[in-house]
Amino acid sequence: MNEEFKKIIRESLISHLDIDDDTRAGMTDDTIIFNTGDDRPNLGLDSIDSLELVTMIFELFGYDVPAEDVKKLYSVNAIAAYLNEHGITE
């Protein structure tokens, strides 16, 4: 997968979702973004943040993510793969 594409997604997430420096330091492209309610490490973002994520994707790529697909957007890698599946590569 295109590393530059993932970098755009990662940097946009950090900016749009106000991810602080400490959280960003431990963040990888596989880090789970939202609190899943289990013991898996995650960034602890909530449903309001998911709306901001959908808005961010629309602003950056012009793609409107259907509500039922939001749960598929759980990491930078998952977001990049999802967008690629829908014909968006940059």
C-alpha atoms as a PDB file:
ATOM      1  CA  MET A   1       0.000   0.000   0.000  1.00  0.00           C
ATOM      2  CA  ASN A   2       1.228   3.502  -0.784  1.00  0.00           C
ATOM      3  CA  GLU A   3       3.124   4.892   2.229  1.00  0.00           C
ATOM      4  CA  GLU A   4       2.517   8.487   1.142  1.00  0.00           C
ATOM      5  CA  PHE A   5      -1.245   7.818   1.104  1.00  0.00           C
ATOM      6  CA  LYS A   6      -1.082   6.413   4.642  1.00  0.00           C
ATOM      7  CA  LYS A   7       1.018   9.396   5.737  1.00  0.00           C
ATOM      8  CA  ILE A   8      -1.695  11.783   4.476  1.00  0.00           C
ATOM      9  CA  ILE A   9      -4.322   9.817   6.401  1.00  0.00           C
ATOM     10  CA  ARG A  10      -2.210   9.652   9.592  1.00  0.00           C
ATOM     11  CA  GLU A  11      -1.340  13.352   9.566  1.00  0.00           C
ATOM     12  CA  SER A  12      -4.946  14.312   8.841  1.00  0.00           C
ATOM     13  CA  LEU A  13      -6.167  12.142  11.715  1.00  0.00           C
ATOM     14  CA  ILE A  14      -3.707  13.770  14.078  1.00  0.00           C
ATOM     15  CA  SER A  15      -4.770  17.233  12.959  1.00  0.00           C
ATOM     16  CA  HIS A  16      -8.551  16.750  12.671  1.00  0.00           C
ATOM     17  CA  LEU A  17      -8.945  14.698  15.832  1.00  0.00           C
ATOM     18  CA  ASP A  18      -6.533  16.732  17.980  1.00  0.00           C
ATOM     19  CA  ILE A  19      -4.354  13.771  18.902  1.00  0.00           C
ATOM     20  CA  ASP A  20      -1.812  15.009  21.434  1.00  0.00           C
ATOM     21  CA  ASP A  21       1.967  14.576  21.185  1.00  0.00           C
ATOM     22  CA  ASP A  22       2.181  11.811  23.810  1.00  0.00           C
ATOM     23  CA  THR A  23      -0.512   9.737  22.078  1.00  0.00           C
ATOM     24  CA  ARG A  24       0.997  10.378  18.664  1.00  0.00           C
ATOM     25  CA  ALA A  25       4.409   9.146  19.840  1.00  0.00           C
ATOM     26  CA  GLY A  26       3.066   5.619  20.379  1.00  0.00           C
ATOM     27  CA  MET A  27       0.771   5.568  17.377  1.00  0.00           C
ATOM     28  CA  THR A  28       1.438   3.171  14.498  1.00  0.00           C
ATOM     29  CA  ASP A  29      -0.563   2.542  11.348  1.00  0.00           C
ATOM     30  CA  ASP A  30      -2.123  -0.470  13.111  1.00  0.00           C
ATOM     31  CA  THR A  31      -3.076   1.358  16.313  1.00  0.00           C
ATOM     32  CA  ILE A  32      -6.801   1.033  16.975  1.00  0.00           C
ATOM     33  CA  ILE A  33      -8.305   4.506  16.899  1.00  0.00           C
ATOM     34  CA  PHE A  34     -11.567   4.063  18.807  1.00  0.00           C
ATOM     35  CA  ASN A  35     -12.271   2.655  22.239  1.00  0.00           C
ATOM     36  CA  THR A  36     -13.628  -0.810  21.500  1.00  0.00           C
ATOM     37  CA  GLY A  37     -14.729  -1.581  25.062  1.00  0.00           C
ATOM     38  CA  ASP A  38     -12.245  -4.404  25.483  1.00  0.00           C
ATOM     39  CA  ASP A  39      -8.661  -4.525  26.729  1.00  0.00           C
ATOM     40  CA  ARG A  40      -7.021  -3.845  23.386  1.00  0.00           C
ATOM     41  CA  PRO A  41      -4.833  -0.735  23.386  1.00  0.00           C
ATOM     42  CA  ASN A  42      -6.425   2.143  21.493  1.00  0.00           C
ATOM     43  CA  LEU A  43      -6.442   5.923  21.212  1.00  0.00           C
ATOM     44  CA  GLY A  44      -9.739   6.118  23.101  1.00  0.00           C
ATOM     45  CA  LEU A  45     -11.574   8.233  20.560  1.00  0.00           C
ATOM     46  CA  ASP A  46     -15.377   8.261  20.711  1.00  0.00           C
ATOM     47  CA  SER A  47     -18.444   8.505  18.467  1.00  0.00           C
ATOM     48  CA  ILE A  48     -18.071  12.269  18.062  1.00  0.00           C
ATOM     49  CA  ASP A  49     -14.557  11.650  16.782  1.00  0.00           C
ATOM     50  CA  SER A  50     -15.940   9.085  14.318  1.00  0.00           C
ATOM     51  CA  LEU A  51     -18.157  11.805  12.840  1.00  0.00           C
ATOM     52  CA  GLU A  52     -15.124  14.033  12.492  1.00  0.00           C
ATOM     53  CA  LEU A  53     -13.281  11.161  10.796  1.00  0.00           C
ATOM     54  CA  VAL A  54     -16.072  10.763   8.232  1.00  0.00           C
ATOM     55  CA  THR A  55     -16.032  14.535   7.637  1.00  0.00           C
ATOM     56  CA  MET A  56     -12.253  14.459   7.246  1.00  0.00           C
ATOM     57  CA  ILE A  57     -12.472  11.683   4.626  1.00  0.00           C
ATOM     58  CA  PHE A  58     -15.110  13.595   2.700  1.00  0.00           C
ATOM     59  CA  GLU A  59     -13.078  16.826   2.779  1.00  0.00           C
ATOM     60  CA  LEU A  60      -9.837  15.109   1.733  1.00  0.00           C
ATOM     61  CA  PHE A  61     -11.099  12.584  -0.798  1.00  0.00           C
ATOM     62  CA  GLY A  62     -14.665  13.556  -1.663  1.00  0.00           C
ATOM     63  CA  TYR A  63     -15.971  10.196  -0.462  1.00  0.00           C
ATOM     64  CA  ASP A  64     -19.018   9.999   1.805  1.00  0.00           C
ATOM     65  CA  VAL A  65     -18.609   6.997   4.109  1.00  0.00           C
ATOM     66  CA  PRO A  66     -21.941   5.265   4.797  1.00  0.00           C
ATOM     67  CA  ALA A  67     -22.811   5.049   8.508  1.00  0.00           C
ATOM     68  CA  GLU A  68     -22.691   1.259   8.443  1.00  0.00           C
ATOM     69  CA  ASP A  69     -19.047   1.364   7.274  1.00  0.00           C
ATOM     70  CA  VAL A  70     -17.650   3.605  10.024  1.00  0.00           C
ATOM     71  CA  LYS A  71     -16.692   0.614  12.181  1.00  0.00           C
ATOM     72  CA  LYS A  72     -14.383  -0.529   9.360  1.00  0.00           C
ATOM     73  CA  LEU A  73     -12.253   2.598   9.855  1.00  0.00           C
ATOM     74  CA  TYR A  74     -10.426   1.452  12.994  1.00  0.00           C
ATOM     75  CA  SER A  75      -6.788   2.236  12.110  1.00  0.00           C
ATOM     76  CA  VAL A  76      -4.708   4.109   9.538  1.00  0.00           C
ATOM     77  CA  ASN A  77      -4.124   0.847   7.657  1.00  0.00           C
ATOM     78  CA  ALA A  78      -7.836  -0.019   7.764  1.00  0.00           C
ATOM     79  CA  ILE A  79      -8.807   3.441   6.507  1.00  0.00           C
ATOM     80  CA  ALA A  80      -6.286   3.251   3.643  1.00  0.00           C
ATOM     81  CA  ALA A  81      -7.477  -0.243   2.681  1.00  0.00           C
ATOM     82  CA  TYR A  82     -11.135   0.824   2.848  1.00  0.00           C
ATOM     83  CA  LEU A  83     -10.508   3.835   0.617  1.00  0.00           C
ATOM     84  CA  ASN A  84      -8.498   1.722  -1.837  1.00  0.00           C
ATOM     85  CA  GLU A  85     -11.390  -0.752  -2.016  1.00  0.00           C
ATOM     86  CA  HIS A  86     -13.613   2.170  -3.018  1.00  0.00           C
ATOM     87  CA  GLY A  87     -11.247   3.406  -5.731  1.00  0.00           C
ATOM     88  CA  ILE A  88      -9.503   6.135  -3.772  1.00  0.00           C
ATOM     89  CA  THR A  89      -5.727   5.926  -3.801  1.00  0.00           C
ATOM     90  CA  GLU A  90      -4.724   9.546  -3.098  1.00  0.00           C
END
